[in-house]
Protein backbone atom coordinates (compact mmCIF):
# COMPACT_ATOMS: atom_id res chain seq x y z
CA MET A 1 188.74 92.64 219.45
CA SER A 2 191.65 91.09 221.33
CA GLU A 3 194.13 88.75 219.68
CA ARG A 4 195.51 85.89 221.75
CA LEU A 5 198.22 83.97 219.95
CA LEU A 6 200.23 80.84 220.72
CA LEU A 7 203.48 80.50 218.79
CA MET A 8 204.34 76.81 219.16
CA GLY A 9 207.03 74.33 218.12
CA VAL A 10 209.92 72.33 219.49
CA SER A 11 212.78 74.00 221.31
CA GLY A 12 215.05 75.71 218.80
CA SER A 13 212.33 76.31 216.19
CA GLY A 14 212.49 80.10 216.56
CA LYS A 15 209.64 80.92 218.94
CA SER A 16 211.75 83.29 221.04
CA THR A 17 212.96 85.08 217.91
CA LEU A 18 209.64 85.40 216.07
CA GLY A 19 207.45 85.94 219.13
CA PRO A 20 208.72 89.41 220.08
CA MET A 21 208.72 90.46 216.42
CA LEU A 22 205.09 89.38 216.05
CA ALA A 23 204.08 91.04 219.32
CA ARG A 24 205.72 94.34 218.26
CA ALA A 25 204.04 94.21 214.85
CA LEU A 26 200.64 93.74 216.52
CA SER A 27 201.32 96.10 219.48
CA LEU A 28 200.69 93.25 221.92
CA PRO A 29 202.58 92.09 225.01
CA PHE A 30 204.86 89.07 224.61
CA ALA A 31 205.63 86.26 227.04
CA ASP A 32 208.12 83.45 226.63
CA ALA A 33 206.91 80.26 228.30
CA ASP A 34 210.47 79.54 229.39
CA ASP A 35 210.09 82.40 231.89
CA PHE A 36 207.11 80.66 233.52
CA HIS A 37 208.89 77.39 234.36
CA PRO A 38 209.33 76.83 238.07
CA PRO A 39 212.91 76.18 239.24
CA ALA A 40 212.23 72.43 239.59
CA ASN A 41 211.33 72.15 235.88
CA ILE A 42 214.44 74.05 234.84
CA ALA A 43 216.60 71.83 237.05
CA LYS A 44 215.12 68.69 235.47
CA MET A 45 215.75 69.95 231.94
CA ARG A 46 219.31 71.09 232.76
CA ALA A 47 219.94 67.58 234.05
CA GLY A 48 218.70 66.15 230.74
CA THR A 49 215.45 64.79 232.17
CA PRO A 50 212.33 65.36 230.06
CA LEU A 51 209.39 66.95 231.82
CA THR A 52 206.31 64.89 232.61
CA ASP A 53 202.72 65.99 232.13
CA GLU A 54 202.53 66.52 235.90
CA ASP A 55 205.44 68.97 235.57
CA ARG A 56 203.70 70.78 232.73
CA TRP A 57 200.12 71.25 234.01
CA PRO A 58 200.88 74.05 236.54
CA TRP A 59 203.22 75.69 234.00
CA LEU A 60 200.51 75.66 231.32
CA ALA A 61 197.97 76.98 233.82
CA SER A 62 200.17 79.98 234.60
CA LEU A 63 200.66 80.67 230.88
CA GLY A 64 196.95 80.46 230.19
CA ALA A 65 196.17 82.74 233.13
CA TRP A 66 198.68 85.33 231.90
CA LEU A 67 197.34 85.33 228.35
CA ALA A 68 193.68 85.37 229.42
CA ALA A 69 194.41 88.38 231.67
CA GLN A 70 195.76 90.54 228.82
CA PRO A 71 192.93 92.93 227.93
CA ALA A 72 194.12 93.57 224.36
CA GLY A 73 195.47 90.05 223.88
CA GLY A 74 199.05 88.88 223.67
CA VAL A 75 201.58 86.56 222.12
CA VAL A 76 202.96 83.53 223.99
CA ALA A 77 205.89 81.47 222.74
CA CYS A 78 205.40 77.96 224.12
CA SER A 79 206.35 74.55 222.80
CA ALA A 80 202.79 73.19 223.39
CA LEU A 81 203.94 69.94 221.81
CA ARG A 82 200.90 67.79 222.53
CA ARG A 83 197.28 68.40 221.61
CA ALA A 84 196.36 67.98 225.27
CA TYR A 85 198.61 70.93 226.19
CA ARG A 86 197.06 73.11 223.50
CA ASP A 87 193.58 72.03 224.58
CA ARG A 88 194.42 73.00 228.16
CA LEU A 89 195.54 76.43 226.96
CA ARG A 90 192.40 76.82 224.82
CA GLU A 91 190.25 76.06 227.89
CA ALA A 92 191.91 78.98 229.69
CA VAL A 93 192.02 81.21 226.61
CA PRO A 94 188.94 80.86 224.38
CA GLY A 95 189.66 81.95 220.83
CA LEU A 96 193.37 81.14 221.11
CA ARG A 97 195.01 81.12 217.66
CA LEU A 98 197.95 78.84 216.85
CA LEU A 99 201.04 79.51 214.77
CA PHE A 100 203.18 76.38 214.33
CA LEU A 101 206.91 76.77 213.65
CA HIS A 102 207.99 73.49 212.07
CA GLY A 103 211.08 72.28 210.28
CA ASP A 104 213.76 69.72 209.68
CA PRO A 105 215.13 68.14 212.88
CA ALA A 106 218.71 68.58 211.61
CA LEU A 107 218.23 72.34 211.20
CA ILE A 108 216.66 72.60 214.64
CA ALA A 109 219.48 70.54 216.19
CA ALA A 110 222.03 72.91 214.61
CA ARG A 111 220.19 75.87 216.10
CA GLN A 112 220.05 74.18 219.50
CA SER A 113 223.77 73.50 219.55
CA ALA A 114 224.40 77.20 218.77
CA ARG A 115 222.55 78.26 221.96
CA PRO A 116 225.12 77.78 224.72
CA GLY A 117 223.83 78.19 228.23
CA HIS A 118 220.16 77.55 227.46
CA PHE A 119 218.61 75.18 230.00
CA MET A 120 217.21 72.93 227.25
CA PRO A 121 220.19 70.78 226.25
CA PRO A 122 220.46 69.48 222.67
CA GLY A 123 220.26 65.95 224.12
CA LEU A 124 216.55 66.45 224.83
CA MET A 125 215.70 67.15 221.18
CA ALA A 126 214.77 63.53 220.53
CA SER A 127 212.22 63.67 223.35
CA GLN A 128 210.80 66.92 221.92
CA PHE A 129 210.20 65.35 218.52
CA ALA A 130 208.86 62.16 220.11
CA THR A 131 206.35 64.22 222.09
CA LEU A 132 205.37 66.54 219.22
CA GLU A 133 201.83 66.12 217.93
CA PRO A 134 201.60 68.58 215.03
CA PRO A 135 198.37 70.55 215.07
CA ALA A 136 195.47 68.72 213.46
CA PRO A 137 193.68 70.49 210.62
CA GLU A 138 190.72 71.36 212.84
CA GLU A 139 193.06 73.33 215.12
CA GLY A 140 193.40 75.89 212.31
CA ALA A 141 197.10 76.53 212.92
CA ILE A 142 199.05 78.86 210.69
CA LEU A 143 201.99 76.76 209.49
CA LEU A 144 205.40 78.46 209.35
CA ASP A 145 208.39 76.65 207.81
CA ILE A 146 211.53 77.63 209.73
CA ARG A 147 213.75 77.43 206.64
CA GLU A 148 212.56 80.96 205.95
CA PRO A 149 214.29 83.93 207.63
CA PRO A 150 212.50 85.55 210.59
CA GLU A 151 211.35 88.57 208.55
CA ALA A 152 209.67 86.28 205.99
CA LEU A 153 208.07 84.24 208.78
CA LEU A 154 206.71 87.44 210.29
CA ARG A 155 205.15 88.44 206.96
CA ARG A 156 203.59 84.96 206.60
CA ALA A 157 202.28 85.03 210.17
CA LEU A 158 200.70 88.46 209.71
CA ALA A 159 199.17 87.44 206.38
CA GLY A 160 197.76 84.27 207.96
CA LEU A 161 196.29 86.22 210.85
CA ARG A 162 194.62 88.69 208.47
CA GLY A 163 193.22 85.93 206.27
CA PRO A 164 189.88 84.27 206.79
CA ALA A 165 189.68 81.71 209.54
CA PRO A 166 190.02 78.19 208.12
CA ALA A 167 186.93 76.06 207.80
CA ALA A 168 186.67 73.03 210.05
CA GLY A 169 189.18 70.43 208.97
CA GLU A 170 191.54 72.91 207.28
CA GLY A 171 194.94 74.17 208.36
CA ARG A 172 196.71 77.18 206.91
CA GLY A 173 200.19 77.23 205.57
């Protein structure tokens, strides 16, 4: 059975760190959603302009197409901040499983400021948190608190993926 995973959270939550670790542990390909942004999206973010839904739909479509095309499954690191974005990905990738990296905005801001040269400037963090719709219980996301080191998050993610699927209305964490 293939495993198709979405590692989600605001910029700076650790998706690009944990994603490759998780993919290696599961022997799956990894894709970082940042690599799927068209140049126009990157230019907007570099300029400090938040993306609109119209900017995101083609980007999400390309991510969903990539993940759906992986015969053994795969791991995608993508902010997927709103339920509508996750729903769009689930339409393209039936059975998509969510892992939600969440944490204190101050910790995430500190991480962001330590990433010089990234196209997502720390000034857009407020818009990220304003847009964020944490997964609802029925989405069955595995919750991962970013205060833990990456190795501990990997162990929690793997344990959550091995555990029974949550019943409707339950999250895991």
